[in-house]
Protein backbone atom coordinates (compact mmCIF):
# COMPACT_ATOMS: atom_id res chain seq x y z
CA GLU A 1 15.85 -15.08 -13.05
CA VAL A 2 14.39 -14.89 -9.53
CA ARG A 3 12.56 -11.67 -8.69
CA ARG A 4 11.38 -10.73 -5.24
CA VAL A 5 8.33 -8.80 -4.22
CA SER A 6 8.62 -6.68 -1.10
CA LEU A 7 5.38 -6.99 0.84
CA GLY A 8 6.37 -3.96 2.88
CA ARG A 9 7.22 -1.59 0.05
CA THR A 10 4.07 -2.11 -2.01
CA ASP A 11 0.56 -1.54 -0.69
CA CYS A 12 -1.00 -4.81 -1.82
CA ARG A 13 -3.97 -7.04 -1.06
CA ALA A 14 -4.58 -10.78 -1.06
CA GLN A 15 -8.09 -11.58 -2.26
CA ALA A 16 -10.17 -14.44 -3.63
CA VAL A 17 -10.39 -14.92 -7.39
CA PRO A 18 -14.08 -14.60 -8.30
CA GLY A 19 -15.63 -17.87 -9.51
CA SER A 20 -12.96 -20.10 -7.93
CA LYS A 21 -13.00 -21.92 -4.59
CA THR A 22 -9.24 -22.49 -4.46
CA ARG A 23 -7.57 -19.60 -6.30
CA PHE A 24 -6.51 -16.29 -4.82
CA GLU A 25 -4.48 -13.36 -6.07
CA LEU A 26 -1.97 -10.86 -4.76
CA ARG A 27 -2.19 -7.48 -6.44
CA PRO A 28 -1.27 -3.88 -5.67
CA ALA A 29 -3.96 -1.84 -3.94
CA VAL A 30 -5.97 0.51 -6.13
CA GLY A 31 -3.57 3.07 -7.56
CA GLY A 32 -0.56 1.04 -6.37
CA ARG A 33 2.09 -0.63 -8.45
CA TRP A 34 4.87 -3.17 -8.20
CA PRO A 35 8.32 -1.53 -8.26
CA GLY A 36 10.31 -2.44 -11.36
CA VAL A 37 7.32 -3.43 -13.53
CA ARG A 38 7.00 -1.55 -16.82
CA GLU A 39 4.44 1.26 -16.79
CA THR A 40 2.13 -0.43 -19.31
CA LEU A 41 1.86 -3.56 -17.16
CA ARG A 42 1.53 -2.03 -13.71
CA ALA A 43 -2.23 -1.65 -13.56
CA SER A 44 -3.07 -5.23 -14.52
CA ARG A 45 -0.25 -7.21 -12.89
CA ALA A 46 -1.38 -9.75 -10.25
CA PHE A 47 0.11 -12.94 -8.89
CA VAL A 48 -2.46 -15.77 -8.95
CA PHE A 49 -2.10 -18.80 -6.67
CA ASP A 50 -4.09 -22.02 -6.34
CA ALA A 51 -4.50 -23.54 -2.88
CA ALA A 52 -5.75 -26.90 -4.23
CA GLY A 53 -3.73 -29.77 -2.79
CA SER A 54 -1.78 -27.53 -0.39
CA GLY A 55 -3.43 -28.76 2.81
CA ALA A 56 -4.83 -25.30 3.55
CA THR A 57 -7.94 -23.56 2.30
CA ARG A 58 -7.86 -20.52 0.07
CA ASP A 59 -9.12 -18.37 2.95
CA GLU A 60 -6.35 -19.67 5.24
CA TRP A 61 -3.78 -18.75 2.59
CA ILE A 62 -5.30 -15.28 2.21
CA ALA A 63 -5.27 -14.74 5.99
CA HIS A 64 -1.66 -15.95 6.26
CA LEU A 65 -0.49 -13.80 3.36
CA SER A 66 -2.35 -10.79 4.76
CA GLU A 67 -0.52 -11.25 8.08
CA HIS A 68 2.80 -11.24 6.22
CA ILE A 69 1.82 -8.09 4.35
CA ASP A 70 0.88 -6.34 7.61
CA TYR A 71 4.10 -7.49 9.30
CA HIS A 72 6.38 -6.31 6.49
CA ARG A 73 4.48 -3.05 6.16
CA ALA A 74 4.94 -2.35 9.88
CA GLU A 75 8.63 -3.22 9.55
CA VAL A 76 9.11 -0.69 6.73
CA GLU A 77 7.14 1.96 8.63
CA GLU A 78 9.35 1.44 11.69
CA GLN A 79 12.51 1.84 9.57
CA VAL A 80 11.17 5.05 8.02
CA LEU A 81 10.22 6.44 11.43
CA GLN A 82 13.61 5.58 12.91
CA ARG A 83 15.45 7.28 10.02
CA THR A 84 13.21 10.33 10.20
CA PHE A 85 13.29 10.82 13.95
CA SER A 86 16.94 9.94 14.49
CA GLY A 87 18.44 12.97 16.24
CA VAL A 88 14.99 14.51 16.76
CA LEU A 89 13.74 12.24 19.56
CA GLU A 90 15.97 10.66 22.18
CA PRO A 91 14.77 7.81 24.42
CA VAL A 92 14.30 8.64 28.10
CA ALA A 93 14.12 6.08 30.91
CA LEU A 94 11.17 6.55 33.27
CA GLN A 95 13.61 6.68 36.21
CA GLY A 96 15.50 9.52 34.52
CA LEU A 97 12.25 11.36 33.90
CA GLN A 98 11.20 10.95 37.54
CA SER A 99 14.50 12.39 38.77
CA CYS A 100 14.01 15.40 36.44
CA VAL A 101 10.46 15.86 37.72
CA ALA A 102 11.68 15.72 41.32
CA CYS A 103 14.15 18.55 40.56
CA GLU A 104 11.73 20.78 38.67
CA GLU A 105 8.48 21.79 40.31
CA ASP A 106 6.77 22.64 37.02
CA ALA A 107 7.89 19.51 35.15
CA ASP A 108 5.01 17.42 33.80
CA THR A 109 4.48 13.74 34.60
CA GLN A 110 2.09 13.32 31.70
CA CYS A 111 2.41 13.40 27.94
CA PRO A 112 1.32 16.78 26.52
CA VAL A 113 -0.15 15.05 23.43
CA CYS A 114 -2.38 12.31 24.92
CA LEU A 115 -2.48 13.71 28.48
CA GLU A 116 -1.82 10.26 29.97
CA THR A 117 0.66 9.74 32.80
CA PHE A 118 4.08 8.37 31.87
CA ASP A 119 4.54 4.72 32.92
CA LEU A 120 6.75 1.71 32.22
CA GLU A 121 4.43 0.40 29.49
CA ARG A 122 5.13 2.96 26.77
CA PRO A 123 8.54 4.29 25.65
CA ILE A 124 9.24 7.93 26.45
CA ALA A 125 11.25 10.33 24.28
CA ARG A 126 12.59 13.85 24.65
CA THR A 127 12.84 16.34 21.80
CA ARG A 128 15.90 18.49 21.03
CA CYS A 129 14.03 21.40 22.60
CA GLY A 130 13.76 19.46 25.88
CA HIS A 131 10.09 18.45 25.97
CA THR A 132 9.08 14.91 26.91
CA PHE A 133 6.36 12.74 25.32
CA HIS A 134 5.33 9.15 24.78
CA GLU A 135 7.50 8.19 21.83
CA ALA A 136 4.53 7.08 19.70
CA CYS A 137 2.61 10.29 20.50
CA ALA A 138 5.59 12.44 19.49
CA GLN A 139 6.10 10.46 16.27
CA ARG A 140 2.44 10.76 15.25
CA TRP A 141 2.43 14.48 16.04
CA LEU A 142 5.71 15.17 14.23
CA MET A 143 4.58 13.27 11.13
CA GLN A 144 1.63 15.62 10.83
CA LYS A 145 2.98 18.92 12.17
CA GLY A 146 6.80 18.73 12.19
CA SER A 147 7.08 21.01 15.21
CA CYS A 148 7.13 20.50 18.97
CA PRO A 149 3.56 20.37 20.34
CA VAL A 150 4.60 22.46 23.35
CA CYS A 151 6.86 25.25 22.03
CA ARG A 152 6.34 24.88 18.23
CA THR A 153 10.09 24.59 17.51
CA GLU A 154 10.49 23.05 14.04
CA LEU A 155 11.95 19.58 14.55
CA VAL A 156 11.20 17.83 11.25
CA PRO A 157 11.51 19.86 8.04
CA SER A 158 8.35 19.70 5.93
CA CYS A 159 10.20 17.85 3.13
CA ARG A 160 11.00 15.03 5.60
CA GLN A 161 7.40 15.04 6.85
CA GLN A 162 6.17 14.56 3.29
CA GLU A 163 8.63 11.70 2.77
CA VAL A 164 7.38 9.93 5.90
CA LEU A 165 3.73 10.40 4.99
CA ARG A 166 4.38 9.18 1.44
CA HIS A 167 6.15 6.04 2.67
CA ILE A 168 3.56 5.29 5.33
CA SER A 169 0.63 5.82 2.96
CA GLY A 170 2.12 3.31 0.55
CA SER A 171 2.94 5.42 -2.48
CA PHE A 172 6.42 4.01 -3.03
CA SER A 173 8.10 4.55 -6.32
């Protein structure tokens, strides 16, 4: 039976096996666990690899595996954010924002969270209540607070906030 380990769903680390120049292990981070592994085995379960004869050093394998872990983790975080903020934040083109600013004298040309000017480099999003932010700034704010930073309208119910924070912090069940 082939079993797969999701490097994005489990907070894990690749590290050298003490006393060996070629072996390394992949194990859940402290307090973490592999999904689907019986409770009694979770704390001690690690995958041990030997780089001998592979053409790469142990440290190269660890670095490569760590990159994969980071990539898959970011991928899962992005999926969680997209699900959470779907219908809460809508993308806005800079040109569309500039035309709104031209029509409204009091419209801001900077993000109320980071106070930086909107530009083509960073995606812009508008909340249901009509306020505009850098998308990443709005996401970070909403993960922590759940309400609009300008008018305090609740945009993300606290139960969804907790779900996002739990997924991003790595405590998957």
